[in-house]
Structure formats: C-alpha cells, structure tokens
Amino acid sequence: MPIPKPLQRIYARSVFYPTLWWNMLNGRLLKRRQWSSRIDPSLIVGAFPFARDVPGMAAEGVTAVVNTCEEYAGPIAEYDKYGIEQLHIPTTDFTHPRLEDIEQAVDFIQSHAEQGGTTYVHCKAGRARSATVAICWLIKYRNLSPAQAQALLLSKRPHVNPRVEFRPVVAEFASKYRPS
C-alpha cells in the first residue's frame, strides 16, 4: 500500500536536516562522496548547490539548473547574477518526479545542450530524484536503455541509487521514448 502524500511530506521534512548534515559530512567535510559529477559534456548531477558554489558552476559552463527539491528553492539571486536559468520541479524527498515534470526537465536540459551549455541537475544528495531525471535524459537524448543509462550514471557517480532504472516512472518514460 503506498504511503499517502501528506505523510511522505511530513517524513521528508522531519529528516531534512539530519540527512542534509549527513550529506555535508560525507561530501564536503570527509570528501567520501563527490558533491557533483559530470556525466556527459552537457550534464552534471549533484547535491544541491549553495550560493558559494554558483561562481564555480558558471566557470564549468553551467547555463541551467534543474532543481528537483521540494524543500529547497535554490540560490536564485546567485543564478540570476551569473545568467543561470533554473527549472524547479518540486518533488518530495524519497519519492520520484512525476512523468510530466521529467519530460519538461529532459527537454529543458536538451535545449541548453543544443546551445552548448551544461545543465546541473540536483536533489538534496544527488542520488535519486536527480538521477531519475538524468537517466531519462540519457534514454531520450543519448538513446540509451535504462540499464545502460544506470550503468553510465554509476560509473560517473558511484553513490547514486543503483535501482533508479527500476522506478516505474523510468519504465513508463522508457516505453514512451524507447519502444521495444
């Protein structure tokens, strides 16, 4: 039985700061995990950026951000200062983005890729919500199967959720853009 959306939100909010602290400990302090990982010349997947990260993102060629966090709007003023466009698809932590949001996000990523830009796709930790969007972009625009997209993502960012390819929304997306 699926957990009702209001309970999902309550849970996600209650563990936000402890899990953020854990991500900061592993990514920023102990350097056990990369804060962000380049997956493709046009795509970076990572944990959510702070305002102090934006100048470095711009220096790496980031022209766009897909923010999948319901709990974090992002450093919008800094993005504006550096000419970075954000698409915000609020998604509750520990869930996956809706199909229509994924479709909008992958087309947004591709529009920046076609202009020579790089898109930074993030959730809180860069492990699941952002990985879902990244896998779907790789399926549609790099013509990879879900398994190939998952393998590529894991090769570049080993701590992503290794089962994103099995999410029902990924299967639905793949059936639409990679018919058998």
C-alpha atoms as a PDB file:
ATOM      1  CA  MET A   1       0.000   0.000   0.000  1.00  0.00           C
ATOM      2  CA  PRO A   2       1.523   3.358  -0.999  1.00  0.00           C
ATOM      3  CA  ILE A   3       2.206   5.930   1.697  1.00  0.00           C
ATOM      4  CA  PRO A   4      -0.163   8.916   1.408  1.00  0.00           C
ATOM      5  CA  LYS A   5       1.447  12.070   0.007  1.00  0.00           C
ATOM      6  CA  PRO A   6       0.901  14.142   3.196  1.00  0.00           C
ATOM      7  CA  LEU A   7       2.740  11.504   5.253  1.00  0.00           C
ATOM      8  CA  GLN A   8       5.564  11.405   2.697  1.00  0.00           C
ATOM      9  CA  ARG A   9       5.963  15.165   3.074  1.00  0.00           C
ATOM     10  CA  ILE A  10       5.905  15.027   6.874  1.00  0.00           C
ATOM     11  CA  TYR A  11       8.569  12.326   6.868  1.00  0.00           C
ATOM     12  CA  ALA A  12      10.746  14.154   4.319  1.00  0.00           C
ATOM     13  CA  ARG A  13      10.583  17.382   6.317  1.00  0.00           C
ATOM     14  CA  SER A  14      11.339  15.642   9.600  1.00  0.00           C
ATOM     15  CA  VAL A  15      14.557  14.087   8.277  1.00  0.00           C
ATOM     16  CA  PHE A  16      15.660  17.038   6.119  1.00  0.00           C
ATOM     17  CA  TYR A  17      18.291  18.499   8.455  1.00  0.00           C
ATOM     18  CA  PRO A  18      19.739  15.199   9.703  1.00  0.00           C
ATOM     19  CA  THR A  19      20.139  13.924   6.139  1.00  0.00           C
ATOM     20  CA  LEU A  20      21.499  17.277   4.945  1.00  0.00           C
ATOM     21  CA  TRP A  21      24.070  17.131   7.726  1.00  0.00           C
ATOM     22  CA  TRP A  22      24.960  13.572   6.677  1.00  0.00           C
ATOM     23  CA  ASN A  23      25.385  14.677   3.055  1.00  0.00           C
ATOM     24  CA  MET A  24      27.541  17.633   4.116  1.00  0.00           C
ATOM     25  CA  LEU A  25      29.671  15.373   6.315  1.00  0.00           C
ATOM     26  CA  ASN A  26      30.263  12.822   3.553  1.00  0.00           C
ATOM     27  CA  GLY A  27      30.539  15.242   0.654  1.00  0.00           C
ATOM     28  CA  ARG A  28      32.066  18.456   1.936  1.00  0.00           C
ATOM     29  CA  LEU A  29      33.952  17.555   5.096  1.00  0.00           C
ATOM     30  CA  LEU A  30      35.173  13.961   4.725  1.00  0.00           C
ATOM     31  CA  LYS A  31      35.213  14.017   0.908  1.00  0.00           C
ATOM     32  CA  ARG A  32      33.813  10.462   0.758  1.00  0.00           C
ATOM     33  CA  ARG A  33      31.417  11.474  -1.982  1.00  0.00           C
ATOM     34  CA  GLN A  34      31.631  13.927  -4.843  1.00  0.00           C
ATOM     35  CA  TRP A  35      29.283  16.862  -4.389  1.00  0.00           C
ATOM     36  CA  SER A  36      28.703  16.830  -8.129  1.00  0.00           C
ATOM     37  CA  SER A  37      29.728  14.617 -11.046  1.00  0.00           C
ATOM     38  CA  ARG A  38      29.957  15.330 -14.764  1.00  0.00           C
ATOM     39  CA  ILE A  39      28.006  12.602 -16.536  1.00  0.00           C
ATOM     40  CA  ASP A  40      28.174  13.990 -20.072  1.00  0.00           C
ATOM     41  CA  PRO A  41      29.545  17.218 -21.581  1.00  0.00           C
ATOM     42  CA  SER A  42      26.014  18.611 -21.235  1.00  0.00           C
ATOM     43  CA  LEU A  43      25.041  17.123 -17.859  1.00  0.00           C
ATOM     44  CA  ILE A  44      26.208  17.324 -14.257  1.00  0.00           C
ATOM     45  CA  VAL A  45      24.364  15.529 -11.449  1.00  0.00           C
ATOM     46  CA  GLY A  46      24.897  16.626  -7.890  1.00  0.00           C
ATOM     47  CA  ALA A  47      23.733  17.577  -4.451  1.00  0.00           C
ATOM     48  CA  PHE A  48      22.055  20.905  -4.040  1.00  0.00           C
ATOM     49  CA  PRO A  49      24.311  23.875  -4.617  1.00  0.00           C
ATOM     50  CA  PHE A  50      24.812  26.672  -2.146  1.00  0.00           C
ATOM     51  CA  ALA A  51      25.228  30.293  -3.240  1.00  0.00           C
ATOM     52  CA  ARG A  52      29.002  29.980  -2.807  1.00  0.00           C
ATOM     53  CA  ASP A  53      29.034  27.149  -5.396  1.00  0.00           C
ATOM     54  CA  VAL A  54      27.484  29.179  -8.214  1.00  0.00           C
ATOM     55  CA  PRO A  55      30.634  31.005  -9.443  1.00  0.00           C
ATOM     56  CA  GLY A  56      32.368  27.630  -9.861  1.00  0.00           C
ATOM     57  CA  MET A  57      29.355  26.206 -11.641  1.00  0.00           C
ATOM     58  CA  ALA A  58      29.375  29.109 -14.086  1.00  0.00           C
ATOM     59  CA  ALA A  59      33.108  28.597 -14.640  1.00  0.00           C
ATOM     60  CA  GLU A  60      32.364  24.954 -15.551  1.00  0.00           C
ATOM     61  CA  GLY A  61      29.937  26.100 -18.240  1.00  0.00           C
ATOM     62  CA  VAL A  62      26.715  25.552 -16.315  1.00  0.00           C
ATOM     63  CA  THR A  63      23.984  27.578 -18.013  1.00  0.00           C
ATOM     64  CA  ALA A  64      20.996  25.846 -16.437  1.00  0.00           C
ATOM     65  CA  VAL A  65      19.871  24.063 -13.292  1.00  0.00           C
ATOM     66  CA  VAL A  66      17.117  21.501 -12.833  1.00  0.00           C
ATOM     67  CA  ASN A  67      16.165  21.624  -9.159  1.00  0.00           C
ATOM     68  CA  THR A  68      14.111  18.608  -8.079  1.00  0.00           C
ATOM     69  CA  CYS A  69      13.939  19.654  -4.405  1.00  0.00           C
ATOM     70  CA  GLU A  70      10.579  20.473  -2.941  1.00  0.00           C
ATOM     71  CA  GLU A  71      12.419  21.542   0.208  1.00  0.00           C
ATOM     72  CA  TYR A  72      14.908  23.974  -1.373  1.00  0.00           C
ATOM     73  CA  ALA A  73      14.292  26.736  -3.916  1.00  0.00           C
ATOM     74  CA  GLY A  74      17.985  27.202  -4.684  1.00  0.00           C
ATOM     75  CA  PRO A  75      20.250  30.270  -4.659  1.00  0.00           C
ATOM     76  CA  ILE A  76      18.108  32.111  -7.210  1.00  0.00           C
ATOM     77  CA  ALA A  77      19.779  35.520  -6.788  1.00  0.00           C
ATOM     78  CA  GLU A  78      23.183  33.958  -7.480  1.00  0.00           C
ATOM     79  CA  TYR A  79      21.839  32.121 -10.519  1.00  0.00           C
ATOM     80  CA  ASP A  80      20.474  35.410 -11.844  1.00  0.00           C
ATOM     81  CA  LYS A  81      23.816  37.117 -11.214  1.00  0.00           C
ATOM     82  CA  TYR A  82      25.593  34.501 -13.364  1.00  0.00           C
ATOM     83  CA  GLY A  83      22.904  34.139 -16.023  1.00  0.00           C
ATOM     84  CA  ILE A  84      21.970  30.604 -14.996  1.00  0.00           C
ATOM     85  CA  GLU A  85      18.377  29.586 -15.727  1.00  0.00           C
ATOM     86  CA  GLN A  86      16.629  27.321 -13.220  1.00  0.00           C
ATOM     87  CA  LEU A  87      13.774  24.910 -13.836  1.00  0.00           C
ATOM     88  CA  HIS A  88      12.248  23.977 -10.478  1.00  0.00           C
ATOM     89  CA  ILE A  89      10.259  20.744 -10.404  1.00  0.00           C
ATOM     90  CA  PRO A  90       9.429  20.403  -6.700  1.00  0.00           C
ATOM     91  CA  THR A  91       9.473  16.739  -5.713  1.00  0.00           C
ATOM     92  CA  THR A  92       9.145  15.411  -2.177  1.00  0.00           C
ATOM     93  CA  ASP A  93      12.337  13.760  -0.937  1.00  0.00           C
ATOM     94  CA  PHE A  94      12.342   9.939  -1.055  1.00  0.00           C
ATOM     95  CA  THR A  95       9.865   9.977  -3.975  1.00  0.00           C
ATOM     96  CA  HIS A  96      10.363  10.413  -7.715  1.00  0.00           C
ATOM     97  CA  PRO A  97       9.416  13.252 -10.063  1.00  0.00           C
ATOM     98  CA  ARG A  98       6.152  12.993 -11.982  1.00  0.00           C
ATOM     99  CA  LEU A  99       6.357  11.894 -15.619  1.00  0.00           C
ATOM    100  CA  GLU A 100       5.237  15.301 -16.933  1.00  0.00           C
ATOM    101  CA  ASP A 101       7.928  17.015 -14.830  1.00  0.00           C
ATOM    102  CA  ILE A 102      10.571  14.628 -16.126  1.00  0.00           C
ATOM    103  CA  GLU A 103       9.514  15.300 -19.711  1.00  0.00           C
ATOM    104  CA  GLN A 104       9.761  19.046 -19.128  1.00  0.00           C
ATOM    105  CA  ALA A 105      13.152  18.660 -17.424  1.00  0.00           C
ATOM    106  CA  VAL A 106      14.778  16.492 -20.105  1.00  0.00           C
ATOM    107  CA  ASP A 107      13.646  18.870 -22.849  1.00  0.00           C
ATOM    108  CA  PHE A 108      14.994  21.808 -20.799  1.00  0.00           C
ATOM    109  CA  ILE A 109      18.358  20.025 -20.442  1.00  0.00           C
ATOM    110  CA  GLN A 110      18.429  19.284 -24.159  1.00  0.00           C
ATOM    111  CA  SER A 111      17.612  22.867 -25.144  1.00  0.00           C
ATOM    112  CA  HIS A 112      20.668  24.035 -23.195  1.00  0.00           C
ATOM    113  CA  ALA A 113      22.793  21.186 -24.587  1.00  0.00           C
ATOM    114  CA  GLU A 114      21.907  22.248 -28.132  1.00  0.00           C
ATOM    115  CA  GLN A 115      23.193  25.736 -27.308  1.00  0.00           C
ATOM    116  CA  GLY A 116      26.476  24.331 -25.972  1.00  0.00           C
ATOM    117  CA  GLY A 117      25.514  24.675 -22.305  1.00  0.00           C
ATOM    118  CA  THR A 118      25.691  22.324 -19.370  1.00  0.00           C
ATOM    119  CA  THR A 119      22.804  21.643 -17.005  1.00  0.00           C
ATOM    120  CA  TYR A 120      23.339  20.882 -13.318  1.00  0.00           C
ATOM    121  CA  VAL A 121      20.569  18.519 -12.151  1.00  0.00           C
ATOM    122  CA  HIS A 122      20.240  18.218  -8.403  1.00  0.00           C
ATOM    123  CA  CYS A 123      18.247  16.978  -5.497  1.00  0.00           C
ATOM    124  CA  LYS A 124      19.418  17.117  -1.895  1.00  0.00           C
ATOM    125  CA  ALA A 125      22.119  14.445  -2.213  1.00  0.00           C
ATOM    126  CA  GLY A 126      22.334  13.867  -5.963  1.00  0.00           C
ATOM    127  CA  ARG A 127      21.355  10.234  -5.573  1.00  0.00           C
ATOM    128  CA  ALA A 128      17.730   9.583  -6.589  1.00  0.00           C
ATOM    129  CA  ARG A 129      15.422  12.396  -7.745  1.00  0.00           C
ATOM    130  CA  SER A 130      18.171  13.990  -9.837  1.00  0.00           C
ATOM    131  CA  ALA A 131      19.352  10.577 -11.026  1.00  0.00           C
ATOM    132  CA  THR A 132      15.831   9.823 -12.241  1.00  0.00           C
ATOM    133  CA  VAL A 133      15.843  12.936 -14.430  1.00  0.00           C
ATOM    134  CA  ALA A 134      19.384  12.230 -15.645  1.00  0.00           C
ATOM    135  CA  ILE A 135      18.590   8.640 -16.615  1.00  0.00           C
ATOM    136  CA  CYS A 136      15.522   9.764 -18.533  1.00  0.00           C
ATOM    137  CA  TRP A 137      17.548  12.406 -20.420  1.00  0.00           C
ATOM    138  CA  LEU A 138      20.133   9.740 -21.309  1.00  0.00           C
ATOM    139  CA  ILE A 139      17.326   7.461 -22.525  1.00  0.00           C
ATOM    140  CA  LYS A 140      15.693  10.078 -24.738  1.00  0.00           C
ATOM    141  CA  TYR A 141      18.629  12.117 -25.990  1.00  0.00           C
ATOM    142  CA  ARG A 142      21.571   9.705 -25.834  1.00  0.00           C
ATOM    143  CA  ASN A 143      19.465   6.719 -26.939  1.00  0.00           C
ATOM    144  CA  LEU A 144      20.495   4.527 -24.014  1.00  0.00           C
ATOM    145  CA  SER A 145      18.427   1.778 -22.436  1.00  0.00           C
ATOM    146  CA  PRO A 146      17.521   2.258 -18.769  1.00  0.00           C
ATOM    147  CA  ALA A 147      20.206  -0.288 -17.810  1.00  0.00           C
ATOM    148  CA  GLN A 148      22.845   1.458 -19.951  1.00  0.00           C
ATOM    149  CA  ALA A 149      21.876   4.848 -18.524  1.00  0.00           C
ATOM    150  CA  GLN A 150      22.053   3.497 -14.956  1.00  0.00           C
ATOM    151  CA  ALA A 151      25.468   1.929 -15.646  1.00  0.00           C
ATOM    152  CA  LEU A 152      26.812   5.195 -17.087  1.00  0.00           C
ATOM    153  CA  LEU A 153      25.481   7.151 -14.127  1.00  0.00           C
ATOM    154  CA  LEU A 154      27.027   4.687 -11.648  1.00  0.00           C
ATOM    155  CA  SER A 155      30.367   4.806 -13.475  1.00  0.00           C
ATOM    156  CA  LYS A 156      30.496   8.590 -13.059  1.00  0.00           C
ATOM    157  CA  ARG A 157      28.690   8.920  -9.706  1.00  0.00           C
ATOM    158  CA  PRO A 158      29.036   5.631  -7.773  1.00  0.00           C
ATOM    159  CA  HIS A 159      26.819   6.673  -4.876  1.00  0.00           C
ATOM    160  CA  VAL A 160      23.641   7.237  -6.903  1.00  0.00           C
ATOM    161  CA  ASN A 161      20.793   4.920  -6.030  1.00  0.00           C
ATOM    162  CA  PRO A 162      21.624   1.750  -8.008  1.00  0.00           C
ATOM    163  CA  ARG A 163      17.949   0.948  -8.606  1.00  0.00           C
ATOM    164  CA  VAL A 164      16.710   4.154 -10.245  1.00  0.00           C
ATOM    165  CA  GLU A 165      16.369   2.348 -13.573  1.00  0.00           C
ATOM    166  CA  PHE A 166      13.657   0.166 -11.989  1.00  0.00           C
ATOM    167  CA  ARG A 167      11.426   3.035 -10.868  1.00  0.00           C
ATOM    168  CA  PRO A 168       8.007   2.740 -12.518  1.00  0.00           C
ATOM    169  CA  VAL A 169       8.269   6.309 -13.834  1.00  0.00           C
ATOM    170  CA  VAL A 170      11.544   5.429 -15.609  1.00  0.00           C
ATOM    171  CA  ALA A 171       9.927   2.354 -17.176  1.00  0.00           C
ATOM    172  CA  GLU A 172       6.971   4.465 -18.291  1.00  0.00           C
ATOM    173  CA  PHE A 173       9.299   7.110 -19.736  1.00  0.00           C
ATOM    174  CA  ALA A 174      11.424   4.486 -21.500  1.00  0.00           C
ATOM    175  CA  SER A 175       8.375   2.794 -23.010  1.00  0.00           C
ATOM    176  CA  LYS A 176       7.365   6.140 -24.468  1.00  0.00           C
ATOM    177  CA  TYR A 177      10.765   7.121 -25.890  1.00  0.00           C
ATOM    178  CA  ARG A 178      12.402   3.723 -26.486  1.00  0.00           C
ATOM    179  CA  PRO A 179       9.595   1.483 -27.699  1.00  0.00           C
ATOM    180  CA  SER A 180      10.552  -2.190 -27.978  1.00  0.00           C
END
